[in-house]
Amino acid sequence: MDEMDDRELLEALGVSVETKKPSLRSAQDGRVIAGFEDIVKFVDEHGRPPQHGEDRDIFERLYAFRLDRIRNLPDCRAILAPLDRHNLLAISEPKFGGFAEESDDALLAKLSVEKTNEPDITKLTHVKSREEVRAAENIADRAPCRDFERFKPLFERVRADLEASVRETRRFGEDAEIKQGEFFILGGQIAYVADMDDEFVAEYGRPDRRLRVIYDNGTESDLLLRSLQRALYKDEAGRRITDPNAGPLFGGSAEEGDLESGTIYVLRSKSENPEIAAHRNLIHKIGVTGGKVEARIAHAALDPTYLLADVEIVATYKLFNINRTRLENIIHRVFSAAQLNLTISDRFGNPVKPHEWFLVPLPVIDEAVEKIKDGSIIHFEYDPQMASLKKIDAAAA
């Protein structure tokens, strides 16, 4: 008898052979699924969905923001529906367990257990656990930050930068460098190194510094630099928050070896809408594209994104070797205070609120581009009252 291959042997034994179809999911779908799995894992561990609020740690707030975005995107909901075992996509506040919260006394009564005031000899009281002792050794006592209002805008901006992917979080390495003005995540809180005292030699013979560290929950501590390093390294969720400064981003001409990767474009609307016509020279759309701007605006009059009107190109700036999405997020963050608040109706009468339109003079946009070139844009934001860029108060920087 001729030798049979593996498939023929399996068929002879009555075993069906199925050929797996290759996955058709894109890399973007994979990132969406991975992000949702983090949210599901959080619910598995905590028995509730992630929530917003300054009293929550940074990861829970990021998960809550991510879940809100997913709920508003039909394509994402369709992809994630098979993974949604907690019904997170269908309702805003899922309830778990099917019962309302009850007091301890009520629960004891249902279990027919009489409440007693006698202490439990198996439970230690007024004794710190080893984890608490170790934490106290590494972290100085925190106290309320009396001038927290000076630092609060910095934390708000960092959170916004994280949500917009302008900044990233990276695992903290042992003995990694810490500088004044840097942000970290420690114990679920954003920590800002506001000040550093002069260097001194500690008892163990190594140089150290006393720091002033502000936390986004309104507290501060004066721990030592090496204590902060150890705490960040030992905290599994300890992270360094990257600086959004990417250095020189683009110029008027490409240098040898550079690859053109896009264009910043500034558009002005030709709409006859009274609200737009009255401020035509101030209302600009600022965006970034990897193709030709002319092709992008070819059908502007039919697109609510362009205010259902033709547009004119008033400025363009070439980009080289840059992440276009990240740059666009930076630009929109700088001008967020001047975003146009306008709702128009599309061809079908549906209300649409266009984005990327700002009440900003063209010279200020040119100035912002120059600051992007030299990397200083992260220190500025647009002031609508002064109609100019202003330097962000770095508090104690």
Protein backbone atom coordinates (compact mmCIF):
# COMPACT_ATOMS: atom_id res chain seq x y z
CA MET A 1 0.00 0.00 0.00
CA ASP A 2 1.25 3.48 -0.89
CA GLU A 3 2.14 5.69 2.03
CA MET A 4 -0.56 8.23 2.92
CA ASP A 5 0.15 11.76 3.99
CA ASP A 6 -1.14 13.19 7.30
CA ARG A 7 -4.36 14.59 5.83
CA GLU A 8 -5.25 11.26 4.15
CA LEU A 9 -4.58 9.35 7.39
CA LEU A 10 -6.85 11.69 9.36
CA GLU A 11 -9.62 11.36 6.76
CA ALA A 12 -9.28 7.56 6.84
CA LEU A 13 -9.79 7.69 10.62
CA GLY A 14 -12.93 9.81 10.18
CA VAL A 15 -11.35 12.99 11.49
CA SER A 16 -12.42 16.09 9.61
CA VAL A 17 -9.73 18.57 8.72
CA GLU A 18 -10.55 22.25 8.82
CA THR A 19 -8.37 24.95 7.41
CA LYS A 20 -8.20 28.00 9.62
CA LYS A 21 -9.10 31.17 7.85
CA PRO A 22 -6.53 33.93 8.23
CA SER A 23 -7.53 36.78 10.51
CA LEU A 24 -8.82 39.81 8.64
CA ARG A 25 -8.47 42.16 11.59
CA SER A 26 -6.34 45.25 11.10
CA ALA A 27 -3.66 46.47 13.47
CA GLN A 28 -6.05 49.23 14.58
CA ASP A 29 -8.73 46.63 15.44
CA GLY A 30 -6.12 44.77 17.47
CA ARG A 31 -5.30 47.88 19.49
CA VAL A 32 -9.01 48.53 20.12
CA ILE A 33 -9.50 44.94 21.32
CA ALA A 34 -6.40 45.07 23.55
CA GLY A 35 -7.59 48.33 25.08
CA PHE A 36 -11.05 46.91 25.79
CA GLU A 37 -9.55 43.78 27.33
CA ASP A 38 -7.74 46.04 29.84
CA ILE A 39 -11.13 47.52 30.78
CA VAL A 40 -12.70 44.06 31.13
CA LYS A 41 -9.80 42.96 33.32
CA PHE A 42 -10.35 46.02 35.52
CA VAL A 43 -14.03 45.07 35.92
CA ASP A 44 -13.06 41.47 36.74
CA GLU A 45 -10.75 42.71 39.52
CA HIS A 46 -12.93 45.49 40.97
CA GLY A 47 -16.48 44.32 40.25
CA ARG A 48 -17.44 47.65 38.65
CA PRO A 49 -16.65 49.69 35.54
CA PRO A 50 -13.89 52.33 35.62
CA GLN A 51 -15.06 55.76 36.70
CA HIS A 52 -13.98 59.36 36.24
CA GLY A 53 -12.91 61.56 39.13
CA GLU A 54 -9.79 63.12 40.59
CA ASP A 55 -9.93 60.71 43.51
CA ARG A 56 -9.44 57.76 41.11
CA ASP A 57 -6.00 56.61 40.05
CA ILE A 58 -4.71 57.60 36.64
CA PHE A 59 -5.24 54.17 35.04
CA GLU A 60 -8.90 54.01 36.10
CA ARG A 61 -9.49 57.49 34.70
CA LEU A 62 -7.82 56.51 31.40
CA TYR A 63 -9.94 53.34 31.21
CA ALA A 64 -13.09 55.40 31.87
CA PHE A 65 -12.17 57.85 29.11
CA ARG A 66 -11.39 54.96 26.73
CA LEU A 67 -14.74 53.27 27.50
CA ASP A 68 -16.62 56.51 26.79
CA ARG A 69 -14.89 56.80 23.42
CA ILE A 70 -15.66 53.17 22.52
CA ARG A 71 -19.35 53.58 23.41
CA ASN A 72 -19.59 56.48 20.97
CA LEU A 73 -18.03 54.56 18.04
CA PRO A 74 -20.41 52.06 16.37
CA ASP A 75 -17.56 50.30 14.53
CA CYS A 76 -15.76 49.66 17.82
CA ARG A 77 -18.91 48.39 19.50
CA ALA A 78 -19.47 45.91 16.66
CA ILE A 79 -15.91 44.56 16.99
CA LEU A 80 -16.03 44.31 20.78
CA ALA A 81 -19.55 42.94 21.25
CA PRO A 82 -18.39 39.27 21.51
CA LEU A 83 -15.95 40.28 24.31
CA ASP A 84 -18.45 42.35 26.29
CA ARG A 85 -19.37 39.85 28.99
CA HIS A 86 -20.11 42.64 31.50
CA ASN A 87 -22.50 44.49 29.16
CA LEU A 88 -20.27 47.56 29.29
CA LEU A 89 -21.14 48.79 25.81
CA ALA A 90 -24.92 48.77 26.20
CA ILE A 91 -25.44 50.72 29.42
CA SER A 92 -23.65 53.62 31.06
CA GLU A 93 -23.41 52.23 34.57
CA PRO A 94 -23.47 48.39 34.67
CA LYS A 95 -24.59 46.89 37.96
CA PHE A 96 -23.03 43.77 39.33
CA GLY A 97 -24.44 41.09 41.56
CA GLY A 98 -28.07 42.13 41.10
CA PHE A 99 -28.53 43.58 44.61
CA ALA A 100 -28.33 46.96 46.25
CA GLU A 101 -25.72 47.80 48.83
CA GLU A 102 -26.77 46.96 52.38
CA SER A 103 -25.34 47.85 55.76
CA ASP A 104 -23.21 45.41 57.73
CA ASP A 105 -25.98 44.99 60.31
CA ALA A 106 -28.55 44.13 57.63
CA LEU A 107 -26.29 41.53 56.07
CA LEU A 108 -25.53 39.98 59.46
CA ALA A 109 -29.25 39.82 60.22
CA LYS A 110 -29.94 37.94 56.97
CA LEU A 111 -27.26 35.43 57.93
CA SER A 112 -28.78 35.07 61.43
CA VAL A 113 -25.55 36.28 62.99
CA GLU A 114 -25.81 38.39 66.11
CA LYS A 115 -23.56 41.44 66.19
CA THR A 116 -21.14 41.54 69.09
CA ASN A 117 -18.80 44.22 70.38
CA GLU A 118 -16.22 41.70 71.54
CA PRO A 119 -12.94 42.05 69.66
CA ASP A 120 -11.76 39.31 67.35
CA ILE A 121 -8.53 37.95 68.89
CA THR A 122 -7.44 36.68 65.46
CA LYS A 123 -7.37 40.22 64.04
CA LEU A 124 -4.47 42.55 64.85
CA THR A 125 -5.39 46.17 65.45
CA HIS A 126 -3.18 49.27 65.54
CA VAL A 127 -0.41 47.22 63.89
CA LYS A 128 0.96 48.22 60.48
CA SER A 129 1.45 45.53 57.87
CA ARG A 130 4.92 44.96 56.43
CA GLU A 131 3.73 46.57 53.18
CA GLU A 132 2.73 49.72 55.05
CA VAL A 133 6.03 49.80 56.92
CA ARG A 134 8.04 49.44 53.72
CA ALA A 135 5.96 52.16 52.05
CA ALA A 136 6.59 54.48 55.00
CA GLU A 137 10.32 53.84 54.73
CA ASN A 138 10.37 54.84 51.06
CA ILE A 139 7.80 57.65 50.96
CA ALA A 140 7.82 60.66 53.27
CA ASP A 141 4.56 61.61 54.96
CA ARG A 142 2.27 63.46 52.58
CA ALA A 143 0.65 66.72 53.62
CA PRO A 144 -1.98 68.92 51.95
CA CYS A 145 -0.45 71.15 49.27
CA ARG A 146 -1.39 74.68 50.34
CA ASP A 147 -0.69 76.22 46.90
CA PHE A 148 -2.15 73.35 44.85
CA GLU A 149 -4.14 75.78 42.66
CA ARG A 150 -0.80 76.78 41.08
CA PHE A 151 -0.12 73.20 40.04
CA LYS A 152 -3.64 72.02 39.18
CA PRO A 153 -3.49 73.32 35.55
CA LEU A 154 -0.29 71.33 35.00
CA PHE A 155 -1.99 68.07 36.01
CA GLU A 156 -5.03 68.85 33.87
CA ARG A 157 -2.78 69.41 30.87
CA VAL A 158 -0.81 66.20 31.45
CA ARG A 159 -4.04 64.18 31.66
CA ALA A 160 -5.26 65.78 28.44
CA ASP A 161 -1.91 65.05 26.75
CA LEU A 162 -2.11 61.39 27.83
CA GLU A 163 -5.64 61.03 26.51
CA ALA A 164 -4.60 62.62 23.20
CA SER A 165 -1.45 60.42 22.97
CA VAL A 166 0.75 63.54 23.00
CA ARG A 167 2.52 62.04 26.03
CA GLU A 168 3.17 58.38 26.83
CA THR A 169 3.86 56.38 30.00
CA ARG A 170 6.93 54.14 30.23
CA ARG A 171 8.10 51.65 32.84
CA PHE A 172 10.51 53.17 35.33
CA GLY A 173 13.93 51.52 35.44
CA GLU A 174 16.08 51.02 38.53
CA ASP A 175 18.29 54.06 39.32
CA ALA A 176 16.72 55.89 36.39
CA GLU A 177 17.33 59.63 36.32
CA ILE A 178 14.81 62.04 37.86
CA LYS A 179 14.82 65.73 36.97
CA GLN A 180 12.96 68.77 38.22
CA GLY A 181 9.78 69.41 36.22
CA GLU A 182 9.20 65.75 35.31
CA PHE A 183 5.96 63.80 35.84
CA PHE A 184 5.55 60.22 37.08
CA ILE A 185 2.79 57.84 38.10
CA LEU A 186 3.24 56.47 41.62
CA GLY A 187 0.62 54.60 43.61
CA GLY A 188 -2.00 55.43 40.99
CA GLN A 189 -1.39 59.19 41.33
CA ILE A 190 0.39 61.59 38.98
CA ALA A 191 3.45 62.98 40.76
CA TYR A 192 5.22 66.20 39.74
CA VAL A 193 8.79 66.98 40.80
CA ALA A 194 8.35 70.68 41.58
CA ASP A 195 11.66 71.41 43.27
CA MET A 196 15.04 69.84 44.09
CA ASP A 197 17.36 70.96 46.90
CA ASP A 198 21.13 71.02 46.60
CA GLU A 199 22.90 67.68 46.39
CA PHE A 200 24.40 66.20 49.55
CA VAL A 201 26.16 62.97 50.50
CA ALA A 202 23.87 60.68 52.50
CA GLU A 203 24.88 58.41 55.39
CA TYR A 204 25.32 55.51 53.00
CA GLY A 205 27.93 57.47 51.04
CA ARG A 206 25.91 58.17 47.91
CA PRO A 207 24.73 61.56 46.62
CA ASP A 208 21.06 62.40 47.24
CA ARG A 209 18.66 65.35 47.13
CA ARG A 210 15.56 66.43 49.01
CA LEU A 211 12.60 66.89 46.64
CA ARG A 212 9.28 68.68 46.72
CA VAL A 213 6.83 66.33 44.99
CA ILE A 214 3.23 67.41 44.26
CA TYR A 215 0.51 64.79 43.65
CA ASP A 216 -2.64 65.27 41.60
CA ASN A 217 -4.84 64.53 44.63
CA GLY A 218 -3.76 67.83 46.21
CA THR A 219 -1.03 66.49 48.52
CA GLU A 220 2.75 66.87 48.58
CA SER A 221 5.81 65.26 50.17
CA ASP A 222 9.47 66.15 50.70
CA LEU A 223 10.95 62.72 50.12
CA LEU A 224 14.50 62.01 49.02
CA LEU A 225 15.36 61.50 45.37
CA ARG A 226 16.61 57.95 45.92
CA SER A 227 13.48 57.12 47.91
CA LEU A 228 11.37 58.21 44.95
CA GLN A 229 13.52 56.12 42.60
CA ARG A 230 13.06 53.01 44.76
CA ALA A 231 9.31 53.58 45.12
CA LEU A 232 8.81 53.99 41.36
CA TYR A 233 10.92 50.93 40.60
CA LYS A 234 9.11 48.70 43.13
CA ASP A 235 5.64 49.89 42.11
CA GLU A 236 4.53 47.53 39.32
CA ALA A 237 2.35 50.32 37.96
CA GLY A 238 5.06 52.97 38.45
CA ARG A 239 5.62 54.91 35.25
CA ARG A 240 7.52 57.85 33.82
CA ILE A 241 5.32 60.26 31.83
CA THR A 242 7.23 61.33 28.74
CA ASP A 243 7.83 64.92 27.75
CA PRO A 244 5.86 65.86 24.59
CA ASN A 245 8.84 67.83 23.29
CA ALA A 246 9.94 65.98 20.15
CA GLY A 247 12.63 68.51 19.24
CA PRO A 248 12.75 70.09 15.78
CA LEU A 249 9.77 68.75 13.85
CA PHE A 250 9.95 70.20 10.39
CA GLY A 251 11.40 72.98 8.25
CA GLY A 252 10.87 74.75 4.99
CA SER A 253 13.13 72.34 3.09
CA ALA A 254 14.13 68.74 3.50
CA GLU A 255 17.65 67.79 4.45
CA GLU A 256 19.44 64.88 2.85
CA GLY A 257 17.88 61.61 3.97
CA ASP A 258 14.62 63.18 5.17
CA LEU A 259 11.31 61.77 3.97
CA GLU A 260 8.38 64.12 3.50
CA SER A 261 5.55 62.72 5.56
CA GLY A 262 2.81 65.34 5.41
CA THR A 263 1.62 68.92 5.52
CA ILE A 264 0.09 71.23 8.08
CA TYR A 265 -2.65 73.14 6.29
CA VAL A 266 -4.59 76.25 7.33
CA LEU A 267 -7.94 76.84 5.62
CA ARG A 268 -10.42 79.71 5.57
CA SER A 269 -14.11 79.12 4.88
CA LYS A 270 -16.10 80.83 2.10
CA SER A 271 -19.37 80.06 3.88
CA GLU A 272 -22.11 82.72 3.82
CA ASN A 273 -23.32 81.64 7.26
CA PRO A 274 -23.67 84.97 9.16
CA GLU A 275 -21.70 83.68 12.18
CA ILE A 276 -18.83 82.60 9.94
CA ALA A 277 -18.89 85.54 7.52
CA ALA A 278 -18.69 88.03 10.41
CA HIS A 279 -15.35 86.57 11.56
CA ARG A 280 -14.06 85.11 8.32
CA ASN A 281 -10.48 86.38 8.73
CA LEU A 282 -10.21 84.86 12.22
CA ILE A 283 -11.85 81.46 11.69
CA HIS A 284 -9.31 78.90 10.49
CA LYS A 285 -9.28 75.15 10.12
CA ILE A 286 -5.92 73.69 11.17
CA GLY A 287 -5.13 70.11 10.21
CA VAL A 288 -2.42 67.70 9.12
CA THR A 289 -2.54 65.47 6.06
CA GLY A 290 -0.27 62.96 4.40
CA GLY A 291 -1.63 63.67 0.91
CA LYS A 292 -2.28 66.70 -1.24
CA VAL A 293 -4.30 69.41 0.44
CA GLU A 294 -6.08 70.24 -2.84
CA ALA A 295 -7.38 66.67 -3.10
CA ARG A 296 -8.52 66.73 0.52
CA ILE A 297 -10.69 69.81 0.04
CA ALA A 298 -12.01 68.98 -3.45
CA HIS A 299 -15.57 68.32 -2.19
CA ALA A 300 -15.58 70.70 0.75
CA ALA A 301 -18.99 72.16 -0.14
CA LEU A 302 -20.59 68.76 0.46
CA ASP A 303 -18.74 67.95 3.69
CA PRO A 304 -19.88 69.23 7.14
CA THR A 305 -16.24 68.98 8.22
CA TYR A 306 -15.61 72.00 5.98
CA LEU A 307 -18.79 73.84 7.08
CA LEU A 308 -20.59 72.74 3.88
CA ALA A 309 -18.80 75.42 1.89
CA ASP A 310 -15.78 75.88 -0.32
CA VAL A 311 -12.54 76.81 1.41
CA GLU A 312 -9.33 78.58 0.48
CA ILE A 313 -5.83 77.48 1.47
CA VAL A 314 -4.14 80.32 3.34
CA ALA A 315 -0.98 78.56 4.57
CA THR A 316 0.84 75.23 4.34
CA TYR A 317 3.93 73.87 6.10
CA LYS A 318 5.77 70.72 4.99
CA LEU A 319 6.55 67.99 7.52
CA PHE A 320 9.48 65.58 7.55
CA ASN A 321 9.99 62.42 9.62
CA ILE A 322 7.11 63.08 12.01
CA ASN A 323 4.11 61.38 13.55
CA ARG A 324 1.28 63.38 11.95
CA THR A 325 -1.40 62.34 14.44
CA ARG A 326 0.75 63.33 17.41
CA LEU A 327 1.56 66.71 15.89
CA GLU A 328 -2.11 67.39 15.15
CA ASN A 329 -2.97 66.61 18.78
CA ILE A 330 -0.33 69.10 19.95
CA ILE A 331 -1.69 71.85 17.69
CA HIS A 332 -5.28 71.28 18.78
CA ARG A 333 -4.25 71.24 22.44
CA VAL A 334 -2.52 74.62 22.08
CA PHE A 335 -5.58 76.23 20.48
CA SER A 336 -8.27 74.32 22.40
CA ALA A 337 -9.41 77.47 24.26
CA ALA A 338 -10.32 79.06 20.90
CA GLN A 339 -12.15 76.12 19.31
CA LEU A 340 -15.15 77.31 17.27
CA ASN A 341 -18.41 76.41 19.01
CA LEU A 342 -20.78 76.08 16.06
CA THR A 343 -23.43 73.54 15.08
CA ILE A 344 -24.69 73.32 11.50
CA SER A 345 -27.14 71.03 9.69
CA ASP A 346 -25.90 68.58 7.07
CA ARG A 347 -27.69 67.84 3.78
CA PHE A 348 -30.15 65.61 5.62
CA GLY A 349 -30.94 68.11 8.35
CA ASN A 350 -28.85 66.35 11.00
CA PRO A 351 -26.97 68.61 13.43
CA VAL A 352 -23.18 68.47 13.04
CA LYS A 353 -20.51 70.14 15.18
CA PRO A 354 -17.35 70.49 13.06
CA HIS A 355 -13.96 70.17 14.74
CA GLU A 356 -10.53 71.60 13.90
CA TRP A 357 -11.92 75.13 13.41
CA PHE A 358 -10.45 77.82 15.65
CA LEU A 359 -10.88 81.58 16.18
CA VAL A 360 -7.16 82.37 15.82
CA PRO A 361 -5.37 85.05 13.75
CA LEU A 362 -3.09 83.69 11.04
CA PRO A 363 0.07 85.38 12.45
CA VAL A 364 -0.44 83.50 15.73
CA ILE A 365 -0.64 80.21 13.80
CA ASP A 366 2.65 81.11 12.09
CA GLU A 367 4.18 81.81 15.51
CA ALA A 368 2.96 78.44 16.82
CA VAL A 369 4.57 76.69 13.85
CA GLU A 370 7.90 78.35 14.65
CA LYS A 371 7.65 77.14 18.25
CA ILE A 372 6.89 73.64 17.01
CA LYS A 373 10.08 73.80 14.96
CA ASP A 374 12.26 74.61 17.96
CA GLY A 375 10.34 72.31 20.34
CA SER A 376 9.20 75.07 22.70
CA ILE A 377 5.49 74.75 21.83
CA ILE A 378 4.89 72.50 24.87
CA HIS A 379 5.40 75.55 27.10
CA PHE A 380 2.71 77.65 25.39
CA GLU A 381 -1.04 77.85 24.96
CA TYR A 382 -3.36 80.29 23.20
CA ASP A 383 -4.97 83.07 25.25
CA PRO A 384 -8.24 84.13 23.54
CA GLN A 385 -8.44 87.32 25.63
CA MET A 386 -5.03 88.54 24.46
CA ALA A 387 -5.30 86.86 21.02
CA SER A 388 -1.73 85.61 21.43
CA LEU A 389 0.31 82.70 22.71
CA LYS A 390 1.20 82.81 26.38
CA LYS A 391 3.73 80.82 28.32
CA ILE A 392 2.25 78.21 30.62
CA ASP A 393 2.89 78.88 34.29
CA ALA A 394 5.17 76.03 35.30
CA ALA A 395 4.43 76.80 38.97
CA ALA A 396 7.67 75.86 40.68
CA ALA A 397 9.61 74.94 37.56
